[in-house]
């Protein structure tokens, strides 16, 4: 398995969608048998510091790899296993994936 993952972070606004991304990421990490903590950060300034304007944001090794949507566990596992191949940032335009309900 991928031993090059040093950090996994979910940045969000503490809305249900952002919290769900954190939960799904933890499931993916467990299913992949990775021994790493998934950090949840709901500090808006730190979210903005990622350069992303849509939440939630999934960052692997400090690099945002997904923004503004809630993927499946399988998609998160794919992102975690292809990090060495520099996955393209996946995002949606126009704000939070919860439709501004947060």
N, C-alpha and C. Protein backbone atom coordinates (compact mmCIF):
# COMPACT_ATOMS: atom_id res chain seq x y z
N UNK A 1 0.85 -1.19 0.00
CA UNK A 1 0.00 0.00 0.00
C UNK A 1 0.88 1.23 0.00
N UNK A 2 0.27 2.36 -0.26
CA UNK A 2 0.99 3.62 -0.42
C UNK A 2 1.58 4.07 0.91
N UNK A 3 2.90 4.06 1.01
CA UNK A 3 3.58 4.50 2.23
C UNK A 3 4.01 5.95 2.14
N UNK A 4 3.68 6.62 1.06
CA UNK A 4 4.12 8.00 0.88
C UNK A 4 3.11 9.01 1.38
N UNK A 5 2.03 8.58 1.97
CA UNK A 5 1.05 9.52 2.50
C UNK A 5 1.50 9.92 3.91
N UNK A 6 1.75 11.21 4.06
CA UNK A 6 2.19 11.75 5.35
C UNK A 6 1.05 12.40 6.12
N UNK A 7 0.07 12.96 5.37
CA UNK A 7 -1.06 13.61 6.04
C UNK A 7 -2.29 13.56 5.15
N UNK A 8 -3.43 13.44 5.82
CA UNK A 8 -4.74 13.50 5.16
C UNK A 8 -5.57 14.47 5.97
N UNK A 9 -6.06 15.50 5.28
CA UNK A 9 -6.85 16.53 5.97
C UNK A 9 -8.13 16.80 5.20
N UNK A 10 -9.19 17.01 5.96
CA UNK A 10 -10.46 17.47 5.41
C UNK A 10 -10.70 18.86 5.98
N UNK A 11 -10.86 19.82 5.08
CA UNK A 11 -11.16 21.19 5.48
C UNK A 11 -12.62 21.44 5.19
N UNK A 12 -13.33 22.05 6.12
CA UNK A 12 -14.73 22.33 5.91
C UNK A 12 -15.25 23.39 6.85
N UNK A 13 -16.53 23.66 6.69
CA UNK A 13 -17.18 24.71 7.48
C UNK A 13 -18.00 24.14 8.63
N UNK A 14 -17.82 22.87 8.93
CA UNK A 14 -18.56 22.16 9.97
C UNK A 14 -19.99 21.86 9.56
N UNK A 15 -20.29 21.97 8.27
CA UNK A 15 -21.62 21.62 7.78
C UNK A 15 -21.73 20.10 7.68
N UNK A 16 -22.92 19.55 7.56
CA UNK A 16 -23.08 18.09 7.47
C UNK A 16 -22.30 17.47 6.31
N UNK A 17 -22.23 18.13 5.17
CA UNK A 17 -21.50 17.60 4.02
C UNK A 17 -20.01 17.50 4.32
N UNK A 18 -19.46 18.52 4.94
CA UNK A 18 -18.04 18.52 5.28
C UNK A 18 -17.74 17.42 6.30
N UNK A 19 -18.58 17.28 7.29
CA UNK A 19 -18.40 16.24 8.29
C UNK A 19 -18.51 14.85 7.65
N UNK A 20 -19.41 14.71 6.69
CA UNK A 20 -19.58 13.43 6.00
C UNK A 20 -18.33 13.07 5.20
N UNK A 21 -17.69 14.06 4.56
CA UNK A 21 -16.45 13.78 3.83
C UNK A 21 -15.39 13.25 4.80
N UNK A 22 -15.31 13.83 5.97
CA UNK A 22 -14.37 13.36 6.98
C UNK A 22 -14.67 11.90 7.34
N UNK A 23 -15.94 11.59 7.58
CA UNK A 23 -16.33 10.23 7.94
C UNK A 23 -16.00 9.25 6.81
N UNK A 24 -16.34 9.61 5.57
CA UNK A 24 -16.07 8.73 4.44
C UNK A 24 -14.58 8.52 4.23
N UNK A 25 -13.81 9.57 4.46
CA UNK A 25 -12.36 9.46 4.32
C UNK A 25 -11.79 8.52 5.37
N UNK A 26 -12.31 8.60 6.59
CA UNK A 26 -11.87 7.67 7.63
C UNK A 26 -12.20 6.23 7.26
N UNK A 27 -13.37 6.01 6.65
CA UNK A 27 -13.74 4.66 6.21
C UNK A 27 -12.76 4.18 5.14
N UNK A 28 -12.44 5.04 4.18
CA UNK A 28 -11.51 4.68 3.10
C UNK A 28 -10.14 4.34 3.67
N UNK A 29 -9.66 5.13 4.60
CA UNK A 29 -8.35 4.90 5.22
C UNK A 29 -8.35 3.55 5.94
N UNK A 30 -9.42 3.26 6.64
CA UNK A 30 -9.53 1.98 7.36
C UNK A 30 -9.56 0.82 6.38
N UNK A 31 -10.35 0.94 5.31
CA UNK A 31 -10.45 -0.14 4.33
C UNK A 31 -9.12 -0.39 3.60
N UNK A 32 -8.33 0.65 3.45
CA UNK A 32 -7.03 0.51 2.81
C UNK A 32 -5.92 0.11 3.79
N UNK A 33 -6.28 -0.02 5.07
CA UNK A 33 -5.34 -0.40 6.13
C UNK A 33 -4.19 0.58 6.24
N UNK A 34 -4.50 1.87 6.07
CA UNK A 34 -3.49 2.90 6.25
C UNK A 34 -3.44 3.28 7.72
N UNK A 35 -2.29 3.41 8.25
CA UNK A 35 -2.12 3.77 9.65
C UNK A 35 -1.84 5.27 9.72
N UNK A 36 -2.90 6.05 9.48
CA UNK A 36 -2.75 7.50 9.48
C UNK A 36 -4.05 8.13 9.94
N UNK A 37 -3.93 9.21 10.67
CA UNK A 37 -5.10 9.93 11.16
C UNK A 37 -5.64 10.86 10.07
N UNK A 38 -6.95 10.94 9.98
CA UNK A 38 -7.59 11.89 9.09
C UNK A 38 -7.97 13.10 9.93
N UNK A 39 -7.30 14.20 9.68
CA UNK A 39 -7.52 15.42 10.46
C UNK A 39 -8.69 16.21 9.87
N UNK A 40 -9.60 16.66 10.73
CA UNK A 40 -10.72 17.49 10.29
C UNK A 40 -10.48 18.92 10.77
N UNK A 41 -10.46 19.86 9.84
CA UNK A 41 -10.17 21.26 10.15
C UNK A 41 -11.35 22.11 9.73
N UNK A 42 -11.98 22.75 10.70
CA UNK A 42 -13.12 23.61 10.36
C UNK A 42 -12.83 25.09 10.58
N UNK A 43 -11.56 25.44 10.51
CA UNK A 43 -11.12 26.83 10.59
C UNK A 43 -11.21 27.42 9.17
N UNK A 44 -12.09 28.39 8.99
CA UNK A 44 -12.34 28.95 7.66
C UNK A 44 -11.07 29.57 7.07
N UNK A 45 -10.25 30.20 7.88
CA UNK A 45 -9.02 30.79 7.36
C UNK A 45 -8.09 29.72 6.81
N UNK A 46 -8.00 28.59 7.50
CA UNK A 46 -7.16 27.50 7.00
C UNK A 46 -7.73 26.91 5.72
N UNK A 47 -9.05 26.87 5.62
CA UNK A 47 -9.69 26.43 4.37
C UNK A 47 -9.30 27.37 3.24
N UNK A 48 -9.39 28.67 3.47
CA UNK A 48 -9.02 29.65 2.45
C UNK A 48 -7.54 29.57 2.11
N UNK A 49 -6.72 29.24 3.10
CA UNK A 49 -5.28 29.11 2.87
C UNK A 49 -4.94 27.98 1.90
N UNK A 50 -5.86 27.03 1.71
CA UNK A 50 -5.62 25.95 0.75
C UNK A 50 -5.74 26.48 -0.68
N UNK A 51 -6.32 27.68 -0.83
CA UNK A 51 -6.53 28.23 -2.16
C UNK A 51 -7.86 27.83 -2.76
N UNK A 52 -8.64 27.06 -2.02
CA UNK A 52 -9.93 26.59 -2.51
C UNK A 52 -11.04 27.48 -1.98
N UNK A 53 -12.01 27.75 -2.83
CA UNK A 53 -13.14 28.58 -2.43
C UNK A 53 -14.41 27.74 -2.22
N UNK A 54 -14.33 26.45 -2.47
CA UNK A 54 -15.45 25.53 -2.30
C UNK A 54 -15.11 24.54 -1.21
N UNK A 55 -16.09 24.21 -0.41
CA UNK A 55 -15.87 23.21 0.62
C UNK A 55 -16.82 22.05 0.38
N UNK A 56 -16.48 20.88 0.87
CA UNK A 56 -15.29 20.52 1.62
C UNK A 56 -14.08 20.34 0.71
N UNK A 57 -12.90 20.31 1.34
CA UNK A 57 -11.65 20.09 0.62
C UNK A 57 -10.95 18.89 1.24
N UNK A 58 -10.50 17.98 0.40
CA UNK A 58 -9.69 16.86 0.84
C UNK A 58 -8.27 17.13 0.37
N UNK A 59 -7.34 17.14 1.31
CA UNK A 59 -5.92 17.37 1.00
C UNK A 59 -5.11 16.17 1.44
N UNK A 60 -4.25 15.71 0.53
CA UNK A 60 -3.34 14.61 0.83
C UNK A 60 -1.93 15.17 0.71
N UNK A 61 -1.16 14.99 1.77
CA UNK A 61 0.21 15.55 1.82
C UNK A 61 0.20 17.05 1.54
N UNK A 62 -0.76 17.73 2.12
CA UNK A 62 -0.91 19.19 2.03
C UNK A 62 -1.36 19.67 0.65
N UNK A 63 -1.66 18.76 -0.27
CA UNK A 63 -2.10 19.14 -1.60
C UNK A 63 -3.60 18.86 -1.75
N UNK A 64 -4.41 19.90 -2.04
CA UNK A 64 -5.83 19.65 -2.28
C UNK A 64 -6.02 18.74 -3.50
N UNK A 65 -6.79 17.67 -3.31
CA UNK A 65 -7.06 16.74 -4.41
C UNK A 65 -8.54 16.65 -4.74
N UNK A 66 -9.38 17.27 -3.91
CA UNK A 66 -10.82 17.25 -4.15
C UNK A 66 -11.42 18.45 -3.44
N UNK A 67 -12.34 19.13 -4.12
CA UNK A 67 -12.98 20.29 -3.50
C UNK A 67 -14.42 20.43 -3.99
N UNK A 68 -15.29 20.80 -3.07
CA UNK A 68 -16.65 21.17 -3.42
C UNK A 68 -17.62 20.06 -3.74
N UNK A 69 -17.28 18.84 -3.37
CA UNK A 69 -18.22 17.75 -3.60
C UNK A 69 -18.00 16.61 -2.62
N UNK A 70 -18.98 15.73 -2.55
CA UNK A 70 -18.93 14.59 -1.66
C UNK A 70 -18.81 13.32 -2.50
N UNK A 71 -17.61 12.75 -2.58
CA UNK A 71 -17.40 11.55 -3.40
C UNK A 71 -17.78 10.28 -2.64
N UNK A 72 -17.76 9.18 -3.36
CA UNK A 72 -17.97 7.87 -2.74
C UNK A 72 -16.70 7.44 -2.01
N UNK A 73 -16.84 6.45 -1.14
CA UNK A 73 -15.67 5.88 -0.47
C UNK A 73 -14.71 5.33 -1.51
N UNK A 74 -15.24 4.72 -2.57
CA UNK A 74 -14.38 4.16 -3.61
C UNK A 74 -13.55 5.25 -4.29
N UNK A 75 -14.15 6.41 -4.54
CA UNK A 75 -13.41 7.51 -5.15
C UNK A 75 -12.32 8.02 -4.22
N UNK A 76 -12.61 8.11 -2.94
CA UNK A 76 -11.60 8.54 -1.97
C UNK A 76 -10.45 7.53 -1.94
N UNK A 77 -10.77 6.25 -1.96
CA UNK A 77 -9.74 5.22 -1.99
C UNK A 77 -8.88 5.36 -3.25
N UNK A 78 -9.51 5.67 -4.36
CA UNK A 78 -8.76 5.88 -5.61
C UNK A 78 -7.79 7.05 -5.46
N UNK A 79 -8.27 8.14 -4.89
CA UNK A 79 -7.39 9.30 -4.68
C UNK A 79 -6.23 8.96 -3.76
N UNK A 80 -6.50 8.19 -2.72
CA UNK A 80 -5.46 7.82 -1.77
C UNK A 80 -4.42 6.88 -2.39
N UNK A 81 -4.84 6.04 -3.31
CA UNK A 81 -3.92 5.07 -3.89
C UNK A 81 -3.20 5.60 -5.13
N UNK A 82 -3.64 6.74 -5.66
CA UNK A 82 -2.98 7.30 -6.84
C UNK A 82 -2.24 8.59 -6.53
N UNK A 83 -2.01 8.88 -5.26
CA UNK A 83 -1.38 10.15 -4.88
C UNK A 83 -0.01 10.30 -5.52
N UNK A 84 0.72 9.22 -5.72
CA UNK A 84 2.04 9.33 -6.36
C UNK A 84 1.93 9.72 -7.82
N UNK A 85 0.76 9.53 -8.40
CA UNK A 85 0.54 9.89 -9.81
C UNK A 85 -0.02 11.30 -9.95
N UNK A 86 0.05 12.09 -8.89
CA UNK A 86 -0.40 13.48 -8.90
C UNK A 86 -1.82 13.62 -9.45
N UNK A 87 -2.85 13.14 -8.73
CA UNK A 87 -4.20 13.24 -9.24
C UNK A 87 -4.60 14.70 -9.46
N UNK A 88 -5.40 14.91 -10.47
CA UNK A 88 -5.92 16.25 -10.74
C UNK A 88 -6.91 16.63 -9.66
N UNK A 89 -6.94 17.89 -9.31
CA UNK A 89 -7.89 18.40 -8.35
C UNK A 89 -9.29 18.24 -8.91
N UNK A 90 -10.16 17.64 -8.12
CA UNK A 90 -11.55 17.49 -8.52
C UNK A 90 -12.37 18.48 -7.71
N UNK A 91 -13.10 19.31 -8.43
CA UNK A 91 -13.90 20.33 -7.74
C UNK A 91 -15.12 20.67 -8.55
N UNK A 92 -16.03 21.38 -7.89
CA UNK A 92 -17.18 21.95 -8.56
C UNK A 92 -17.07 23.45 -8.38
N UNK A 93 -17.62 24.16 -9.30
CA UNK A 93 -17.57 25.62 -9.18
C UNK A 93 -18.84 26.10 -8.50
N UNK A 94 -18.75 27.24 -7.87
CA UNK A 94 -19.93 27.87 -7.32
C UNK A 94 -20.20 27.63 -5.86
N UNK A 95 -19.20 27.28 -5.08
CA UNK A 95 -19.38 27.23 -3.65
C UNK A 95 -19.50 25.84 -3.08
N UNK A 96 -20.02 25.78 -1.90
CA UNK A 96 -20.09 24.57 -1.12
C UNK A 96 -21.00 23.53 -1.76
N UNK A 97 -20.64 22.27 -1.60
CA UNK A 97 -21.41 21.19 -2.18
C UNK A 97 -22.77 21.02 -1.51
N UNK A 98 -22.98 21.67 -0.39
CA UNK A 98 -24.29 21.56 0.27
C UNK A 98 -25.28 22.58 -0.29
N UNK A 99 -24.89 23.30 -1.33
CA UNK A 99 -25.79 24.27 -1.93
C UNK A 99 -26.01 25.49 -1.07
N UNK A 100 -24.99 25.86 -0.31
CA UNK A 100 -25.03 27.03 0.58
C UNK A 100 -26.05 26.88 1.70
N UNK A 101 -26.30 25.63 2.12
CA UNK A 101 -27.20 25.39 3.24
C UNK A 101 -26.44 25.34 4.57
N UNK A 102 -25.12 25.47 4.51
CA UNK A 102 -24.34 25.40 5.75
C UNK A 102 -24.18 26.79 6.36
